């Protein structure tokens, strides 16, 4: 069998799907050359037994790494390592609500700022609300679980009626809009998303380990309820040198 013995059973974190944790574990083994490019992973059943998970969980984890180009699978051959770390932590590939849930569960958002604000000027225009409207504002860095350096900084403007959703939370490990839905009883009908290039503001640049004015990217999302009512407005700031937006277009 190609490769060395995989590490022993994992200790799983609460709140993060097991298949994502297994995918991260396998990725680390590939990164440190335990399973080098061109070698084969152990069979699914063997991985499942060693890691203490189901074969279905292993299959889901392998599928994640296949989508990122790190693994390939051929019937009768096995699962082959094709590439090392593809910087998937800097990718955003969600094209559905489910993708956003997975993204949130694999990360931790640490709140640094919480306050009531009145939105005006460009912010009000981008949000599509009247100037002077009040929102509950949250901001702070977002980390991949277990990592020391943030990969982005988040800002969120919440309908003030929903501020109690996060009043007792310092670190968020779930999708905020799911808590908004639970609290309000209203389902998010649409999520409007935009990506644009920016020069990083001073505080954001500091959190991301960059200089003020360095190139970066923002991803903004407007979470709309019934009647096109804005429930949440979110902004994510990324370093310009480690962000890739990936989407797949299918013919009809």
C-alpha atoms as a PDB file:
ATOM      1  CA  UNK A   1       0.000   0.000   0.000  1.00  0.00           C
ATOM      2  CA  UNK A   2       1.294   3.475  -0.879  1.00  0.00           C
ATOM      3  CA  UNK A   3       1.900   5.986   1.900  1.00  0.00           C
ATOM      4  CA  UNK A   4       2.496   5.472   5.584  1.00  0.00           C
ATOM      5  CA  UNK A   5       0.041   4.575   8.301  1.00  0.00           C
ATOM      6  CA  UNK A   6      -2.578   7.221   8.871  1.00  0.00           C
ATOM      7  CA  UNK A   7      -2.762   8.874  12.298  1.00  0.00           C
ATOM      8  CA  UNK A   8      -4.954   7.375  14.996  1.00  0.00           C
ATOM      9  CA  UNK A   9      -8.567   8.237  15.798  1.00  0.00           C
ATOM     10  CA  UNK A  10      -9.495  11.894  15.824  1.00  0.00           C
ATOM     11  CA  UNK A  11     -10.863  13.920  18.695  1.00  0.00           C
ATOM     12  CA  UNK A  12     -13.789  15.726  17.131  1.00  0.00           C
ATOM     13  CA  UNK A  13     -14.868  19.302  17.803  1.00  0.00           C
ATOM     14  CA  UNK A  14     -18.496  20.051  18.518  1.00  0.00           C
ATOM     15  CA  UNK A  15     -20.364  22.153  15.999  1.00  0.00           C
ATOM     16  CA  UNK A  16     -18.279  21.227  12.942  1.00  0.00           C
ATOM     17  CA  UNK A  17     -19.432  18.403  10.640  1.00  0.00           C
ATOM     18  CA  UNK A  18     -17.218  15.353  10.993  1.00  0.00           C
ATOM     19  CA  UNK A  19     -16.575  15.037   7.275  1.00  0.00           C
ATOM     20  CA  UNK A  20     -15.062  18.547   7.256  1.00  0.00           C
ATOM     21  CA  UNK A  21     -12.810  17.646  10.185  1.00  0.00           C
ATOM     22  CA  UNK A  22     -11.747  14.421   8.455  1.00  0.00           C
ATOM     23  CA  UNK A  23     -11.077  16.357   5.235  1.00  0.00           C
ATOM     24  CA  UNK A  24      -8.912  18.826   7.168  1.00  0.00           C
ATOM     25  CA  UNK A  25      -7.048  15.935   8.835  1.00  0.00           C
ATOM     26  CA  UNK A  26      -6.369  14.193   5.521  1.00  0.00           C
ATOM     27  CA  UNK A  27      -5.264  17.489   4.024  1.00  0.00           C
ATOM     28  CA  UNK A  28      -2.683  17.931   6.791  1.00  0.00           C
ATOM     29  CA  UNK A  29      -1.353  14.421   6.142  1.00  0.00           C
ATOM     30  CA  UNK A  30      -0.983  15.323   2.470  1.00  0.00           C
ATOM     31  CA  UNK A  31       0.641  18.668   3.286  1.00  0.00           C
ATOM     32  CA  UNK A  32       3.273  17.073   5.540  1.00  0.00           C
ATOM     33  CA  UNK A  33       3.944  14.371   2.909  1.00  0.00           C
ATOM     34  CA  UNK A  34       2.624  11.474   4.965  1.00  0.00           C
ATOM     35  CA  UNK A  35       0.757  10.826   1.737  1.00  0.00           C
ATOM     36  CA  UNK A  36       2.819  12.407  -1.009  1.00  0.00           C
ATOM     37  CA  UNK A  37       1.725  13.327  -4.504  1.00  0.00           C
ATOM     38  CA  UNK A  38       1.316  10.172  -6.562  1.00  0.00           C
ATOM     39  CA  UNK A  39       0.629   7.859  -3.608  1.00  0.00           C
ATOM     40  CA  UNK A  40      -2.656   6.177  -2.758  1.00  0.00           C
ATOM     41  CA  UNK A  41      -4.756   6.680   0.346  1.00  0.00           C
ATOM     42  CA  UNK A  42      -5.842   3.574   2.260  1.00  0.00           C
ATOM     43  CA  UNK A  43      -9.231   2.141   1.208  1.00  0.00           C
ATOM     44  CA  UNK A  44     -12.332   3.867   2.600  1.00  0.00           C
ATOM     45  CA  UNK A  45     -13.121   1.006   4.978  1.00  0.00           C
ATOM     46  CA  UNK A  46      -9.604   1.092   6.438  1.00  0.00           C
ATOM     47  CA  UNK A  47      -9.647   4.871   6.860  1.00  0.00           C
ATOM     48  CA  UNK A  48     -13.049   4.674   8.532  1.00  0.00           C
ATOM     49  CA  UNK A  49     -11.826   2.096  11.047  1.00  0.00           C
ATOM     50  CA  UNK A  50      -8.589   3.943  11.836  1.00  0.00           C
ATOM     51  CA  UNK A  51     -10.255   7.348  12.223  1.00  0.00           C
ATOM     52  CA  UNK A  52     -13.285   6.038  14.094  1.00  0.00           C
ATOM     53  CA  UNK A  53     -15.889   7.307  11.633  1.00  0.00           C
ATOM     54  CA  UNK A  54     -18.319   5.830   9.144  1.00  0.00           C
ATOM     55  CA  UNK A  55     -17.411   5.024   5.545  1.00  0.00           C
ATOM     56  CA  UNK A  56     -19.967   7.621   4.491  1.00  0.00           C
ATOM     57  CA  UNK A  57     -18.078  10.294   6.452  1.00  0.00           C
ATOM     58  CA  UNK A  58     -14.798   9.253   4.812  1.00  0.00           C
ATOM     59  CA  UNK A  59     -16.468   9.322   1.395  1.00  0.00           C
ATOM     60  CA  UNK A  60     -17.765  12.853   2.013  1.00  0.00           C
ATOM     61  CA  UNK A  61     -14.322  14.019   3.169  1.00  0.00           C
ATOM     62  CA  UNK A  62     -12.629  12.545   0.110  1.00  0.00           C
ATOM     63  CA  UNK A  63     -15.237  14.191  -2.113  1.00  0.00           C
ATOM     64  CA  UNK A  64     -14.330  17.565  -0.564  1.00  0.00           C
ATOM     65  CA  UNK A  65     -10.655  17.102  -1.426  1.00  0.00           C
ATOM     66  CA  UNK A  66     -11.454  15.786  -4.894  1.00  0.00           C
ATOM     67  CA  UNK A  67     -13.429  18.948  -5.616  1.00  0.00           C
ATOM     68  CA  UNK A  68     -10.356  20.960  -4.662  1.00  0.00           C
ATOM     69  CA  UNK A  69      -8.111  18.992  -6.998  1.00  0.00           C
ATOM     70  CA  UNK A  70      -6.091  17.350  -4.243  1.00  0.00           C
ATOM     71  CA  UNK A  71      -7.350  13.801  -4.833  1.00  0.00           C
ATOM     72  CA  UNK A  72      -8.588  11.690  -7.724  1.00  0.00           C
ATOM     73  CA  UNK A  73     -10.330   8.325  -7.680  1.00  0.00           C
ATOM     74  CA  UNK A  74     -10.387   5.531 -10.246  1.00  0.00           C
ATOM     75  CA  UNK A  75     -12.308   2.296  -9.974  1.00  0.00           C
ATOM     76  CA  UNK A  76      -9.964  -0.597  -9.406  1.00  0.00           C
ATOM     77  CA  UNK A  77      -7.052   1.708  -8.563  1.00  0.00           C
ATOM     78  CA  UNK A  78      -8.050   3.713  -5.490  1.00  0.00           C
ATOM     79  CA  UNK A  79      -7.818   7.292  -4.285  1.00  0.00           C
ATOM     80  CA  UNK A  80      -4.649   9.001  -5.523  1.00  0.00           C
ATOM     81  CA  UNK A  81      -3.020  12.161  -4.165  1.00  0.00           C
ATOM     82  CA  UNK A  82      -2.776  14.674  -7.020  1.00  0.00           C
ATOM     83  CA  UNK A  83      -1.647  17.878  -5.332  1.00  0.00           C
ATOM     84  CA  UNK A  84      -0.751  19.411  -1.986  1.00  0.00           C
ATOM     85  CA  UNK A  85      -2.597  22.241  -0.228  1.00  0.00           C
ATOM     86  CA  UNK A  86      -4.561  24.233  -2.801  1.00  0.00           C
ATOM     87  CA  UNK A  87      -5.229  27.058  -0.316  1.00  0.00           C
ATOM     88  CA  UNK A  88      -8.873  26.029  -0.063  1.00  0.00           C
ATOM     89  CA  UNK A  89      -9.133  28.055   3.145  1.00  0.00           C
ATOM     90  CA  UNK A  90      -9.009  31.183   0.992  1.00  0.00           C
ATOM     91  CA  UNK A  91     -11.711  29.923  -1.382  1.00  0.00           C
ATOM     92  CA  UNK A  92     -15.376  30.514  -1.180  1.00  0.00           C
ATOM     93  CA  UNK A  93     -17.283  27.969  -3.233  1.00  0.00           C
ATOM     94  CA  UNK A  94     -20.743  28.063  -1.708  1.00  0.00           C
ATOM     95  CA  UNK A  95     -23.518  28.363  -4.246  1.00  0.00           C
ATOM     96  CA  UNK A  96     -26.368  27.562  -1.891  1.00  0.00           C
ATOM     97  CA  UNK A  97     -27.618  28.014   1.681  1.00  0.00           C
ATOM     98  CA  UNK A  98     -26.098  24.629   2.484  1.00  0.00           C
ATOM     99  CA  UNK A  99     -22.680  25.831   1.366  1.00  0.00           C
ATOM    100  CA  UNK A 100     -22.939  28.808   3.698  1.00  0.00           C
ATOM    101  CA  UNK A 101     -23.818  26.494   6.603  1.00  0.00           C
ATOM    102  CA  UNK A 102     -20.721  24.355   5.931  1.00  0.00           C
ATOM    103  CA  UNK A 103     -18.543  27.450   5.619  1.00  0.00           C
ATOM    104  CA  UNK A 104     -19.764  28.786   8.980  1.00  0.00           C
ATOM    105  CA  UNK A 105     -19.361  25.457  10.797  1.00  0.00           C
ATOM    106  CA  UNK A 106     -15.737  25.146   9.697  1.00  0.00           C
ATOM    107  CA  UNK A 107     -14.871  28.619  11.011  1.00  0.00           C
ATOM    108  CA  UNK A 108     -14.993  30.781  14.137  1.00  0.00           C
ATOM    109  CA  UNK A 109     -16.057  34.418  14.116  1.00  0.00           C
ATOM    110  CA  UNK A 110     -14.657  36.299  17.141  1.00  0.00           C
ATOM    111  CA  UNK A 111     -16.645  39.417  18.029  1.00  0.00           C
ATOM    112  CA  UNK A 112     -14.535  42.502  18.780  1.00  0.00           C
ATOM    113  CA  UNK A 113     -17.184  45.206  18.396  1.00  0.00           C
ATOM    114  CA  UNK A 114     -20.923  45.315  19.162  1.00  0.00           C
ATOM    115  CA  UNK A 115     -22.897  48.547  19.054  1.00  0.00           C
ATOM    116  CA  UNK A 116     -25.907  50.369  17.657  1.00  0.00           C
ATOM    117  CA  UNK A 117     -25.142  52.523  14.611  1.00  0.00           C
ATOM    118  CA  UNK A 118     -26.953  54.770  12.164  1.00  0.00           C
ATOM    119  CA  UNK A 119     -26.045  53.942   8.569  1.00  0.00           C
ATOM    120  CA  UNK A 120     -25.469  56.792   6.161  1.00  0.00           C
ATOM    121  CA  UNK A 121     -23.729  57.633   2.911  1.00  0.00           C
ATOM    122  CA  UNK A 122     -22.261  54.813   0.846  1.00  0.00           C
ATOM    123  CA  UNK A 123     -23.089  52.187   3.467  1.00  0.00           C
ATOM    124  CA  UNK A 124     -26.796  53.062   3.378  1.00  0.00           C
ATOM    125  CA  UNK A 125     -26.716  53.041  -0.426  1.00  0.00           C
ATOM    126  CA  UNK A 126     -25.071  49.619  -0.581  1.00  0.00           C
ATOM    127  CA  UNK A 127     -27.512  48.242   1.966  1.00  0.00           C
ATOM    128  CA  UNK A 128     -30.456  49.700   0.071  1.00  0.00           C
ATOM    129  CA  UNK A 129     -31.926  51.450   3.128  1.00  0.00           C
ATOM    130  CA  UNK A 130     -32.770  55.043   3.980  1.00  0.00           C
ATOM    131  CA  UNK A 131     -29.962  57.129   5.550  1.00  0.00           C
ATOM    132  CA  UNK A 132     -30.155  57.326   9.326  1.00  0.00           C
ATOM    133  CA  UNK A 133     -31.737  53.922   9.823  1.00  0.00           C
ATOM    134  CA  UNK A 134     -30.437  52.164  12.935  1.00  0.00           C
ATOM    135  CA  UNK A 135     -28.817  48.729  12.945  1.00  0.00           C
ATOM    136  CA  UNK A 136     -27.016  46.549  15.461  1.00  0.00           C
ATOM    137  CA  UNK A 137     -23.402  46.360  14.264  1.00  0.00           C
ATOM    138  CA  UNK A 138     -20.978  43.459  14.844  1.00  0.00           C
ATOM    139  CA  UNK A 139     -17.397  43.064  13.663  1.00  0.00           C
ATOM    140  CA  UNK A 140     -14.351  40.890  14.220  1.00  0.00           C
ATOM    141  CA  UNK A 141     -11.895  38.455  12.636  1.00  0.00           C
ATOM    142  CA  UNK A 142     -12.905  35.023  11.348  1.00  0.00           C
ATOM    143  CA  UNK A 143     -10.607  32.014  11.744  1.00  0.00           C
ATOM    144  CA  UNK A 144     -10.595  28.471  10.494  1.00  0.00           C
ATOM    145  CA  UNK A 145     -11.046  26.269  13.559  1.00  0.00           C
ATOM    146  CA  UNK A 146      -7.722  25.549  15.224  1.00  0.00           C
ATOM    147  CA  UNK A 147      -5.758  28.208  13.331  1.00  0.00           C
ATOM    148  CA  UNK A 148      -4.083  31.288  14.798  1.00  0.00           C
ATOM    149  CA  UNK A 149      -4.335  33.769  11.934  1.00  0.00           C
ATOM    150  CA  UNK A 150      -7.648  35.112  10.616  1.00  0.00           C
ATOM    151  CA  UNK A 151      -8.406  34.590   6.940  1.00  0.00           C
ATOM    152  CA  UNK A 152     -10.988  37.381   6.786  1.00  0.00           C
ATOM    153  CA  UNK A 153     -12.717  40.069   8.847  1.00  0.00           C
ATOM    154  CA  UNK A 154     -16.501  40.158   9.126  1.00  0.00           C
ATOM    155  CA  UNK A 155     -18.899  43.039   9.643  1.00  0.00           C
ATOM    156  CA  UNK A 156     -22.633  42.536  10.063  1.00  0.00           C
ATOM    157  CA  UNK A 157     -25.546  44.959  10.353  1.00  0.00           C
ATOM    158  CA  UNK A 158     -28.587  43.351  11.991  1.00  0.00           C
ATOM    159  CA  UNK A 159     -32.154  44.521  12.291  1.00  0.00           C
ATOM    160  CA  UNK A 160     -32.159  45.927  15.885  1.00  0.00           C
ATOM    161  CA  UNK A 161     -35.051  43.632  16.816  1.00  0.00           C
ATOM    162  CA  UNK A 162     -32.653  40.721  16.392  1.00  0.00           C
ATOM    163  CA  UNK A 163     -29.752  41.927  18.565  1.00  0.00           C
ATOM    164  CA  UNK A 164     -30.611  39.404  21.283  1.00  0.00           C
ATOM    165  CA  UNK A 165     -29.589  36.652  18.836  1.00  0.00           C
ATOM    166  CA  UNK A 166     -25.918  37.382  19.563  1.00  0.00           C
ATOM    167  CA  UNK A 167     -26.085  39.174  22.921  1.00  0.00           C
ATOM    168  CA  UNK A 168     -24.564  36.230  24.824  1.00  0.00           C
ATOM    169  CA  UNK A 169     -22.167  35.004  22.127  1.00  0.00           C
ATOM    170  CA  UNK A 170     -18.461  35.886  21.915  1.00  0.00           C
ATOM    171  CA  UNK A 171     -17.418  33.302  19.311  1.00  0.00           C
ATOM    172  CA  UNK A 172     -19.858  32.240  16.606  1.00  0.00           C
ATOM    173  CA  UNK A 173     -19.497  28.822  14.977  1.00  0.00           C
ATOM    174  CA  UNK A 174     -22.762  28.635  13.040  1.00  0.00           C
ATOM    175  CA  UNK A 175     -24.314  30.639  10.227  1.00  0.00           C
ATOM    176  CA  UNK A 176     -25.689  33.839  11.760  1.00  0.00           C
ATOM    177  CA  UNK A 177     -28.640  33.952   9.398  1.00  0.00           C
ATOM    178  CA  UNK A 178     -29.805  30.579  10.748  1.00  0.00           C
ATOM    179  CA  UNK A 179     -30.051  32.162  14.222  1.00  0.00           C
ATOM    180  CA  UNK A 180     -31.832  35.137  12.667  1.00  0.00           C
ATOM    181  CA  UNK A 181     -34.393  32.809  11.112  1.00  0.00           C
ATOM    182  CA  UNK A 182     -34.874  30.967  14.393  1.00  0.00           C
ATOM    183  CA  UNK A 183     -35.341  34.192  16.358  1.00  0.00           C
ATOM    184  CA  UNK A 184     -37.566  36.011  13.877  1.00  0.00           C
ATOM    185  CA  UNK A 185     -39.509  32.997  12.654  1.00  0.00           C
ATOM    186  CA  UNK A 186     -38.940  34.361   9.169  1.00  0.00           C
ATOM    187  CA  UNK A 187     -37.054  32.465   6.497  1.00  0.00           C
ATOM    188  CA  UNK A 188     -34.407  34.224   4.435  1.00  0.00           C
ATOM    189  CA  UNK A 189     -35.901  34.228   0.939  1.00  0.00           C
ATOM    190  CA  UNK A 190     -32.925  35.535  -1.025  1.00  0.00           C
ATOM    191  CA  UNK A 191     -29.249  36.296  -0.501  1.00  0.00           C
ATOM    192  CA  UNK A 192     -27.840  39.006  -2.763  1.00  0.00           C
ATOM    193  CA  UNK A 193     -24.070  38.729  -3.083  1.00  0.00           C
ATOM    194  CA  UNK A 194     -21.457  41.088  -4.557  1.00  0.00           C
ATOM    195  CA  UNK A 195     -17.654  40.890  -4.786  1.00  0.00           C
ATOM    196  CA  UNK A 196     -15.447  43.929  -5.363  1.00  0.00           C
ATOM    197  CA  UNK A 197     -11.819  45.047  -5.089  1.00  0.00           C
ATOM    198  CA  UNK A 198     -10.899  47.611  -2.414  1.00  0.00           C
ATOM    199  CA  UNK A 199      -7.980  49.207  -0.592  1.00  0.00           C
ATOM    200  CA  UNK A 200      -7.966  47.743   2.922  1.00  0.00           C
ATOM    201  CA  UNK A 201      -8.932  50.190   5.715  1.00  0.00           C
ATOM    202  CA  UNK A 202      -6.404  50.559   8.540  1.00  0.00           C
ATOM    203  CA  UNK A 203      -8.100  48.415  11.206  1.00  0.00           C
ATOM    204  CA  UNK A 204      -9.035  45.674   8.726  1.00  0.00           C
ATOM    205  CA  UNK A 205      -5.502  45.632   7.300  1.00  0.00           C
ATOM    206  CA  UNK A 206      -4.056  45.280  10.815  1.00  0.00           C
ATOM    207  CA  UNK A 207      -6.270  42.262  11.584  1.00  0.00           C
ATOM    208  CA  UNK A 208      -5.287  40.616   8.286  1.00  0.00           C
ATOM    209  CA  UNK A 209      -1.565  41.280   8.690  1.00  0.00           C
ATOM    210  CA  UNK A 210      -1.422  43.764   5.833  1.00  0.00           C
ATOM    211  CA  UNK A 211      -0.609  47.455   5.426  1.00  0.00           C
ATOM    212  CA  UNK A 212      -3.403  50.048   5.221  1.00  0.00           C
ATOM    213  CA  UNK A 213      -4.204  50.663   1.580  1.00  0.00           C
ATOM    214  CA  UNK A 214      -3.088  47.227   0.386  1.00  0.00           C
ATOM    215  CA  UNK A 215      -5.369  45.659  -2.178  1.00  0.00           C
ATOM    216  CA  UNK A 216      -8.120  43.449  -0.825  1.00  0.00           C
ATOM    217  CA  UNK A 217     -11.539  42.128  -1.677  1.00  0.00           C
ATOM    218  CA  UNK A 218     -14.931  42.444  -0.072  1.00  0.00           C
ATOM    219  CA  UNK A 219     -17.837  40.075  -0.357  1.00  0.00           C
ATOM    220  CA  UNK A 220     -21.149  41.608   0.683  1.00  0.00           C
ATOM    221  CA  UNK A 221     -24.409  39.759   1.245  1.00  0.00           C
ATOM    222  CA  UNK A 222     -27.893  41.108   1.801  1.00  0.00           C
ATOM    223  CA  UNK A 223     -30.172  38.572   3.491  1.00  0.00           C
ATOM    224  CA  UNK A 224     -33.720  39.374   2.454  1.00  0.00           C
ATOM    225  CA  UNK A 225     -36.924  38.265   4.151  1.00  0.00           C
ATOM    226  CA  UNK A 226     -40.464  38.389   2.850  1.00  0.00           C
ATOM    227  CA  UNK A 227     -41.468  41.576   1.088  1.00  0.00           C
ATOM    228  CA  UNK A 228     -37.807  42.270   0.223  1.00  0.00           C
ATOM    229  CA  UNK A 229     -37.153  43.268   3.857  1.00  0.00           C
ATOM    230  CA  UNK A 230     -33.491  43.408   4.881  1.00  0.00           C
ATOM    231  CA  UNK A 231     -32.800  41.136   7.869  1.00  0.00           C
ATOM    232  CA  UNK A 232     -29.005  41.110   7.774  1.00  0.00           C
ATOM    233  CA  UNK A 233     -26.248  42.834   5.824  1.00  0.00           C
ATOM    234  CA  UNK A 234     -22.835  41.162   5.959  1.00  0.00           C
ATOM    235  CA  UNK A 235     -19.404  42.226   4.705  1.00  0.00           C
ATOM    236  CA  UNK A 236     -16.323  40.000   4.551  1.00  0.00           C
ATOM    237  CA  UNK A 237     -12.880  41.523   3.944  1.00  0.00           C
ATOM    238  CA  UNK A 238     -10.147  39.350   2.408  1.00  0.00           C
ATOM    239  CA  UNK A 239      -6.500  39.855   1.556  1.00  0.00           C
ATOM    240  CA  UNK A 240      -6.209  40.283  -2.182  1.00  0.00           C
ATOM    241  CA  UNK A 241      -3.435  37.711  -2.579  1.00  0.00           C
ATOM    242  CA  UNK A 242      -5.205  34.688  -1.131  1.00  0.00           C
ATOM    243  CA  UNK A 243      -8.793  34.872  -2.309  1.00  0.00           C
ATOM    244  CA  UNK A 244     -10.323  32.878  -5.147  1.00  0.00           C
ATOM    245  CA  UNK A 245     -14.001  32.946  -5.997  1.00  0.00           C
ATOM    246  CA  UNK A 246     -15.034  29.712  -7.674  1.00  0.00           C
ATOM    247  CA  UNK A 247     -18.281  28.907  -9.400  1.00  0.00           C
ATOM    248  CA  UNK A 248     -19.452  26.272 -11.851  1.00  0.00           C
ATOM    249  CA  UNK A 249     -21.654  27.078 -14.832  1.00  0.00           C
ATOM    250  CA  UNK A 250     -23.744  24.246 -16.238  1.00  0.00           C
ATOM    251  CA  UNK A 251     -25.247  24.132 -19.703  1.00  0.00           C
ATOM    252  CA  UNK A 252     -29.032  23.714 -19.977  1.00  0.00           C
END
